[in-house]
Amino acid sequence: HYGQKAIMALSYDMVFLEMVLADLTDSDETKGKE
């Protein structure tokens, strides 16, 4: 969405948020390898 350099902003704080929201709503998971 934002380009390669955007990963410099990545933090585990937002991983926690994503996992909480996904778990709360039983969100489907798209899995893959790359």
All heavy atoms as atom14 arrays in JSON, in Angstrom:
{
  "sequence": "HYGQKAIMALSYDMVFLEMVLADLTDSDETKGKE",
  "atom14_mask": [
    [1, 1, 1, 1, 1, 1, 1, 1, 1, 1, 0, 0, 0, 0],
    [1, 1, 1, 1, 1, 1, 1, 1, 1, 1, 1, 1, 0, 0],
    [1, 1, 1, 1, 0, 0, 0, 0, 0, 0, 0, 0, 0, 0],
    [1, 1, 1, 1, 1, 1, 1, 1, 1, 0, 0, 0, 0, 0],
    [1, 1, 1, 1, 1, 1, 1, 1, 1, 0, 0, 0, 0, 0],
    [1, 1, 1, 1, 1, 0, 0, 0, 0, 0, 0, 0, 0, 0],
    [1, 1, 1, 1, 1, 1, 1, 1, 0, 0, 0, 0, 0, 0],
    [1, 1, 1, 1, 1, 1, 1, 1, 0, 0, 0, 0, 0, 0],
    [1, 1, 1, 1, 1, 0, 0, 0, 0, 0, 0, 0, 0, 0],
    [1, 1, 1, 1, 1, 1, 1, 1, 0, 0, 0, 0, 0, 0],
    [1, 1, 1, 1, 1, 1, 0, 0, 0, 0, 0, 0, 0, 0],
    [1, 1, 1, 1, 1, 1, 1, 1, 1, 1, 1, 1, 0, 0],
    [1, 1, 1, 1, 1, 1, 1, 1, 0, 0, 0, 0, 0, 0],
    [1, 1, 1, 1, 1, 1, 1, 1, 0, 0, 0, 0, 0, 0],
    [1, 1, 1, 1, 1, 1, 1, 0, 0, 0, 0, 0, 0, 0],
    [1, 1, 1, 1, 1, 1, 1, 1, 1, 1, 1, 0, 0, 0],
    [1, 1, 1, 1, 1, 1, 1, 1, 0, 0, 0, 0, 0, 0],
    [1, 1, 1, 1, 1, 1, 1, 1, 1, 0, 0, 0, 0, 0],
    [1, 1, 1, 1, 1, 1, 1, 1, 0, 0, 0, 0, 0, 0],
    [1, 1, 1, 1, 1, 1, 1, 0, 0, 0, 0, 0, 0, 0],
    [1, 1, 1, 1, 1, 1, 1, 1, 0, 0, 0, 0, 0, 0],
    [1, 1, 1, 1, 1, 0, 0, 0, 0, 0, 0, 0, 0, 0],
    [1, 1, 1, 1, 1, 1, 1, 1, 0, 0, 0, 0, 0, 0],
    [1, 1, 1, 1, 1, 1, 1, 1, 0, 0, 0, 0, 0, 0],
    [1, 1, 1, 1, 1, 1, 1, 0, 0, 0, 0, 0, 0, 0],
    [1, 1, 1, 1, 1, 1, 1, 1, 0, 0, 0, 0, 0, 0],
    [1, 1, 1, 1, 1, 1, 0, 0, 0, 0, 0, 0, 0, 0],
    [1, 1, 1, 1, 1, 1, 1, 1, 0, 0, 0, 0, 0, 0],
    [1, 1, 1, 1, 1, 1, 1, 1, 1, 0, 0, 0, 0, 0],
    [1, 1, 1, 1, 1, 1, 1, 0, 0, 0, 0, 0, 0, 0],
    [1, 1, 1, 1, 1, 1, 1, 1, 1, 0, 0, 0, 0, 0],
    [1, 1, 1, 1, 0, 0, 0, 0, 0, 0, 0, 0, 0, 0],
    [1, 1, 1, 1, 1, 1, 1, 1, 1, 0, 0, 0, 0, 0],
    [1, 1, 1, 1, 1, 1, 1, 1, 1, 0, 0, 0, 0, 0]
  ],
  "atom14_positions": [
    [[0.8, -1.22, 0.0], [0.0, 0.0, 0.0], [0.84, 1.28, 0.0], [0.41, 2.3, -0.55], [-0.93, 0.02, 1.22], [-2.12, -0.87, 1.08], [-2.04, -2.24, 1.1], [-3.44, -0.59, 0.91], [-3.24, -2.76, 0.96], [-4.11, -1.78, 0.83], [0.0, 0.0, 0.0], [0.0, 0.0, 0.0], [0.0, 0.0, 0.0], [0.0, 0.0, 0.0]],
    [[2.01, 1.22, 0.63], [2.77, 2.45, 0.83], [4.22, 2.39, 0.33], [4.95, 3.36, 0.49], [2.76, 2.81, 2.32], [1.36, 3.11, 2.83], [0.69, 2.2, 3.66], [0.72, 4.29, 2.48], [-0.59, 2.47, 4.11], [-0.55, 4.57, 2.93], [-1.2, 3.66, 3.75], [-2.47, 3.93, 4.19], [0.0, 0.0, 0.0], [0.0, 0.0, 0.0]],
    [[4.62, 1.29, -0.23], [5.98, 1.2, -0.76], [6.96, 0.56, 0.21], [6.68, 0.41, 1.4], [0.0, 0.0, 0.0], [0.0, 0.0, 0.0], [0.0, 0.0, 0.0], [0.0, 0.0, 0.0], [0.0, 0.0, 0.0], [0.0, 0.0, 0.0], [0.0, 0.0, 0.0], [0.0, 0.0, 0.0], [0.0, 0.0, 0.0], [0.0, 0.0, 0.0]],
    [[8.12, 0.19, -0.34], [9.11, -0.56, 0.43], [9.58, 0.18, 1.69], [9.76, -0.42, 2.74], [10.32, -0.86, -0.47], [11.34, -1.78, 0.15], [10.81, -3.18, 0.4], [10.05, -3.71, -0.4], [11.19, -3.76, 1.53], [0.0, 0.0, 0.0], [0.0, 0.0, 0.0], [0.0, 0.0, 0.0], [0.0, 0.0, 0.0], [0.0, 0.0, 0.0]],
    [[9.76, 1.49, 1.58], [10.29, 2.25, 2.71], [9.31, 2.32, 3.89], [9.71, 2.66, 5.01], [10.68, 3.66, 2.27], [11.92, 3.69, 1.38], [12.35, 5.11, 1.09], [13.62, 5.14, 0.26], [14.07, 6.53, -0.04], [0.0, 0.0, 0.0], [0.0, 0.0, 0.0], [0.0, 0.0, 0.0], [0.0, 0.0, 0.0], [0.0, 0.0, 0.0]],
    [[8.05, 2.02, 3.63], [7.04, 2.11, 4.69], [7.29, 1.13, 5.82], [6.84, 1.34, 6.95], [5.64, 1.88, 4.12], [0.0, 0.0, 0.0], [0.0, 0.0, 0.0], [0.0, 0.0, 0.0], [0.0, 0.0, 0.0], [0.0, 0.0, 0.0], [0.0, 0.0, 0.0], [0.0, 0.0, 0.0], [0.0, 0.0, 0.0], [0.0, 0.0, 0.0]],
    [[8.01, 0.06, 5.51], [8.24, -0.95, 6.56], [9.12, -0.4, 7.68], [9.18, -0.98, 8.76], [8.85, -2.24, 6.0], [10.24, -2.0, 5.4], [7.93, -2.85, 4.96], [10.93, -3.28, 4.96], [0.0, 0.0, 0.0], [0.0, 0.0, 0.0], [0.0, 0.0, 0.0], [0.0, 0.0, 0.0], [0.0, 0.0, 0.0], [0.0, 0.0, 0.0]],
    [[9.78, 0.73, 7.43], [10.58, 1.36, 8.48], [9.7, 1.83, 9.63], [10.16, 2.0, 10.76], [11.37, 2.54, 7.91], [12.37, 2.16, 6.82], [13.65, 1.04, 7.43], [14.54, 2.14, 8.54], [0.0, 0.0, 0.0], [0.0, 0.0, 0.0], [0.0, 0.0, 0.0], [0.0, 0.0, 0.0], [0.0, 0.0, 0.0], [0.0, 0.0, 0.0]],
    [[8.42, 2.05, 9.35], [7.49, 2.52, 10.38], [6.85, 1.37, 11.15], [6.18, 1.6, 12.16], [6.38, 3.37, 9.74], [0.0, 0.0, 0.0], [0.0, 0.0, 0.0], [0.0, 0.0, 0.0], [0.0, 0.0, 0.0], [0.0, 0.0, 0.0], [0.0, 0.0, 0.0], [0.0, 0.0, 0.0], [0.0, 0.0, 0.0], [0.0, 0.0, 0.0]],
    [[7.05, 0.15, 10.67], [6.37, -1.01, 11.25], [6.76, -1.24, 12.7], [7.94, -1.2, 13.06], [6.69, -2.26, 10.43], [6.06, -3.58, 10.87], [4.55, -3.47, 10.88], [6.51, -4.7, 9.94], [0.0, 0.0, 0.0], [0.0, 0.0, 0.0], [0.0, 0.0, 0.0], [0.0, 0.0, 0.0], [0.0, 0.0, 0.0], [0.0, 0.0, 0.0]],
    [[5.76, -1.49, 13.55], [6.02, -1.8, 14.96], [5.11, -2.93, 15.41], [4.05, -3.16, 14.84], [5.79, -0.57, 15.85], [4.41, -0.31, 15.99], [0.0, 0.0, 0.0], [0.0, 0.0, 0.0], [0.0, 0.0, 0.0], [0.0, 0.0, 0.0], [0.0, 0.0, 0.0], [0.0, 0.0, 0.0], [0.0, 0.0, 0.0], [0.0, 0.0, 0.0]],
    [[5.54, -3.63, 16.45], [4.75, -4.73, 16.98], [3.47, -4.24, 17.66], [2.55, -5.03, 17.88], [5.58, -5.55, 17.98], [6.48, -6.56, 17.31], [7.83, -6.32, 17.14], [5.96, -7.76, 16.83], [8.66, -7.26, 16.52], [6.77, -8.71, 16.22], [8.12, -8.45, 16.06], [8.92, -9.38, 15.45], [0.0, 0.0, 0.0], [0.0, 0.0, 0.0]],
    [[3.4, -2.96, 18.01], [2.2, -2.42, 18.64], [0.97, -2.62, 17.75], [-0.1, -3.01, 18.23], [2.38, -0.92, 18.92], [3.66, -0.63, 19.68], [4.74, -0.78, 19.09], [3.56, -0.25, 20.85], [0.0, 0.0, 0.0], [0.0, 0.0, 0.0], [0.0, 0.0, 0.0], [0.0, 0.0, 0.0], [0.0, 0.0, 0.0], [0.0, 0.0, 0.0]],
    [[1.14, -2.35, 16.46], [0.03, -2.5, 15.53], [-0.25, -3.96, 15.19], [-1.36, -4.31, 14.8], [0.29, -1.7, 14.26], [0.29, -0.2, 14.44], [-1.29, 0.46, 15.08], [-0.86, 0.8, 16.8], [0.0, 0.0, 0.0], [0.0, 0.0, 0.0], [0.0, 0.0, 0.0], [0.0, 0.0, 0.0], [0.0, 0.0, 0.0], [0.0, 0.0, 0.0]],
    [[0.73, -4.83, 15.37], [0.49, -6.27, 15.22], [-0.46, -6.74, 16.32], [-1.38, -7.51, 16.08], [1.81, -7.07, 15.28], [1.54, -8.57, 15.17], [2.76, -6.64, 14.16], [0.0, 0.0, 0.0], [0.0, 0.0, 0.0], [0.0, 0.0, 0.0], [0.0, 0.0, 0.0], [0.0, 0.0, 0.0], [0.0, 0.0, 0.0], [0.0, 0.0, 0.0]],
    [[-0.23, -6.25, 17.52], [-1.13, -6.57, 18.64], [-2.54, -6.1, 18.34], [-3.51, -6.84, 18.53], [-0.61, -5.9, 19.92], [-1.49, -6.11, 21.12], [-1.48, -7.31, 21.82], [-2.35, -5.1, 21.55], [-2.3, -7.5, 22.93], [-3.17, -5.28, 22.66], [-3.15, -6.49, 23.35], [0.0, 0.0, 0.0], [0.0, 0.0, 0.0], [0.0, 0.0, 0.0]],
    [[-2.67, -4.87, 17.85], [-4.0, -4.33, 17.51], [-4.67, -5.19, 16.45], [-5.85, -5.55, 16.59], [-3.87, -2.89, 17.01], [-5.14, -2.25, 16.44], [-6.24, -2.21, 17.48], [-4.83, -0.85, 15.91], [0.0, 0.0, 0.0], [0.0, 0.0, 0.0], [0.0, 0.0, 0.0], [0.0, 0.0, 0.0], [0.0, 0.0, 0.0], [0.0, 0.0, 0.0]],
    [[-3.95, -5.53, 15.4], [-4.51, -6.34, 14.32], [-4.98, -7.7, 14.84], [-6.06, -8.18, 14.5], [-3.47, -6.51, 13.21], [-3.92, -7.36, 12.03], [-3.55, -8.82, 12.2], [-2.49, -9.13, 12.78], [-4.34, -9.68, 11.75], [0.0, 0.0, 0.0], [0.0, 0.0, 0.0], [0.0, 0.0, 0.0], [0.0, 0.0, 0.0], [0.0, 0.0, 0.0]],
    [[-4.19, -8.33, 15.7], [-4.53, -9.65, 16.21], [-5.74, -9.6, 17.15], [-6.58, -10.49, 17.14], [-3.33, -10.27, 16.92], [-2.18, -10.64, 15.98], [-0.8, -11.47, 16.81], [-1.54, -13.1, 17.13], [0.0, 0.0, 0.0], [0.0, 0.0, 0.0], [0.0, 0.0, 0.0], [0.0, 0.0, 0.0], [0.0, 0.0, 0.0], [0.0, 0.0, 0.0]],
    [[-5.82, -8.54, 17.94], [-6.98, -8.38, 18.84], [-8.26, -8.22, 18.04], [-9.27, -8.9, 18.28], [-6.78, -7.17, 19.78], [-8.1, -6.8, 20.46], [-5.73, -7.47, 20.83], [0.0, 0.0, 0.0], [0.0, 0.0, 0.0], [0.0, 0.0, 0.0], [0.0, 0.0, 0.0], [0.0, 0.0, 0.0], [0.0, 0.0, 0.0], [0.0, 0.0, 0.0]],
    [[-8.26, -7.32, 17.07], [-9.46, -7.07, 16.26], [-9.86, -8.3, 15.45], [-11.05, -8.62, 15.33], [-9.23, -5.88, 15.34], [-9.04, -4.52, 16.03], [-8.71, -3.44, 15.0], [-10.27, -4.12, 16.83], [0.0, 0.0, 0.0], [0.0, 0.0, 0.0], [0.0, 0.0, 0.0], [0.0, 0.0, 0.0], [0.0, 0.0, 0.0], [0.0, 0.0, 0.0]],
    [[-8.87, -8.99, 14.88], [-9.16, -10.18, 14.08], [-9.73, -11.29, 14.95], [-10.67, -11.99, 14.55], [-7.89, -10.65, 13.38], [0.0, 0.0, 0.0], [0.0, 0.0, 0.0], [0.0, 0.0, 0.0], [0.0, 0.0, 0.0], [0.0, 0.0, 0.0], [0.0, 0.0, 0.0], [0.0, 0.0, 0.0], [0.0, 0.0, 0.0], [0.0, 0.0, 0.0]],
    [[-9.16, -11.46, 16.13], [-9.64, -12.49, 17.06], [-11.04, -12.16, 17.55], [-11.92, -13.03, 17.63], [-8.67, -12.59, 18.24], [-8.85, -13.88, 19.05], [-9.98, -14.41, 19.08], [-7.87, -14.36, 19.64], [0.0, 0.0, 0.0], [0.0, 0.0, 0.0], [0.0, 0.0, 0.0], [0.0, 0.0, 0.0], [0.0, 0.0, 0.0], [0.0, 0.0, 0.0]],
    [[-11.27, -10.9, 17.83], [-12.56, -10.45, 18.37], [-13.71, -10.73, 17.41], [-14.82, -11.05, 17.81], [-12.49, -8.96, 18.69], [-13.7, -8.31, 19.36], [-13.99, -8.95, 20.71], [-13.46, -6.82, 19.52], [0.0, 0.0, 0.0], [0.0, 0.0, 0.0], [0.0, 0.0, 0.0], [0.0, 0.0, 0.0], [0.0, 0.0, 0.0], [0.0, 0.0, 0.0]],
    [[-13.44, -10.6, 16.12], [-14.49, -10.76, 15.11], [-14.4, -12.07, 14.34], [-15.12, -12.26, 13.36], [-14.42, -9.59, 14.09], [-13.12, -9.58, 13.49], [-14.68, -8.26, 14.78], [0.0, 0.0, 0.0], [0.0, 0.0, 0.0], [0.0, 0.0, 0.0], [0.0, 0.0, 0.0], [0.0, 0.0, 0.0], [0.0, 0.0, 0.0], [0.0, 0.0, 0.0]],
    [[-13.5, -12.96, 14.79], [-13.3, -14.25, 14.11], [-13.03, -14.03, 12.62], [-13.6, -14.71, 11.75], [-14.51, -15.17, 14.29], [-14.69, -15.59, 15.74], [-13.68, -15.83, 16.41], [-15.85, -15.65, 16.21], [0.0, 0.0, 0.0], [0.0, 0.0, 0.0], [0.0, 0.0, 0.0], [0.0, 0.0, 0.0], [0.0, 0.0, 0.0], [0.0, 0.0, 0.0]],
    [[-12.15, -13.09, 12.34], [-11.84, -12.75, 10.95], [-11.14, -13.91, 10.24], [-10.32, -14.62, 10.82], [-10.9, -11.53, 10.93], [-10.44, -11.26, 9.63], [0.0, 0.0, 0.0], [0.0, 0.0, 0.0], [0.0, 0.0, 0.0], [0.0, 0.0, 0.0], [0.0, 0.0, 0.0], [0.0, 0.0, 0.0], [0.0, 0.0, 0.0], [0.0, 0.0, 0.0]],
    [[-11.5, -14.1, 8.97], [-10.82, -15.12, 8.16], [-9.36, -14.72, 7.96], [-9.03, -13.53, 7.92], [-11.49, -15.26, 6.79], [-12.87, -15.89, 6.88], [-13.12, -16.62, 7.86], [-13.69, -15.62, 5.98], [0.0, 0.0, 0.0], [0.0, 0.0, 0.0], [0.0, 0.0, 0.0], [0.0, 0.0, 0.0], [0.0, 0.0, 0.0], [0.0, 0.0, 0.0]],
    [[-8.51, -15.73, 7.83], [-7.1, -15.49, 7.63], [-6.66, -15.92, 6.23], [-6.99, -17.01, 5.79], [-6.26, -16.23, 8.67], [-6.51, -15.78, 10.1], [-5.65, -16.53, 11.1], [-5.09, -17.59, 10.74], [-5.55, -16.06, 12.25], [0.0, 0.0, 0.0], [0.0, 0.0, 0.0], [0.0, 0.0, 0.0], [0.0, 0.0, 0.0], [0.0, 0.0, 0.0]],
    [[-5.93, -15.05, 5.57], [-5.32, -15.39, 4.28], [-3.85, -15.73, 4.55], [-3.1, -14.86, 5.01], [-5.41, -14.23, 3.29], [-6.79, -13.92, 3.05], [-4.73, -14.59, 1.98], [0.0, 0.0, 0.0], [0.0, 0.0, 0.0], [0.0, 0.0, 0.0], [0.0, 0.0, 0.0], [0.0, 0.0, 0.0], [0.0, 0.0, 0.0], [0.0, 0.0, 0.0]],
    [[-3.47, -16.96, 4.26], [-2.11, -17.4, 4.55], [-1.34, -17.61, 3.26], [-1.91, -17.97, 2.23], [-2.13, -18.68, 5.37], [-2.83, -18.55, 6.71], [-2.81, -19.87, 7.48], [-3.53, -19.73, 8.82], [-3.51, -21.01, 9.58], [0.0, 0.0, 0.0], [0.0, 0.0, 0.0], [0.0, 0.0, 0.0], [0.0, 0.0, 0.0], [0.0, 0.0, 0.0]],
    [[-0.04, -17.39, 3.32], [0.79, -17.61, 2.15], [2.26, -17.6, 2.53], [2.62, -17.45, 3.7], [0.0, 0.0, 0.0], [0.0, 0.0, 0.0], [0.0, 0.0, 0.0], [0.0, 0.0, 0.0], [0.0, 0.0, 0.0], [0.0, 0.0, 0.0], [0.0, 0.0, 0.0], [0.0, 0.0, 0.0], [0.0, 0.0, 0.0], [0.0, 0.0, 0.0]],
    [[3.11, -17.77, 1.52], [4.55, -17.72, 1.72], [5.16, -16.81, 0.66], [4.66, -16.74, -0.46], [5.16, -19.11, 1.62], [4.79, -20.06, 2.74], [5.53, -21.38, 2.59], [5.2, -22.33, 3.73], [5.96, -23.62, 3.61], [0.0, 0.0, 0.0], [0.0, 0.0, 0.0], [0.0, 0.0, 0.0], [0.0, 0.0, 0.0], [0.0, 0.0, 0.0]],
    [[6.23, -16.14, 1.03], [6.91, -15.27, 0.07], [8.33, -14.98, 0.51], [8.71, -15.23, 1.66], [6.16, -13.95, -0.08], [6.24, -13.06, 1.15], [5.79, -11.64, 0.88], [5.3, -11.35, -0.22], [5.94, -10.8, 1.8], [0.0, 0.0, 0.0], [0.0, 0.0, 0.0], [0.0, 0.0, 0.0], [0.0, 0.0, 0.0], [0.0, 0.0, 0.0]]
  ]
}
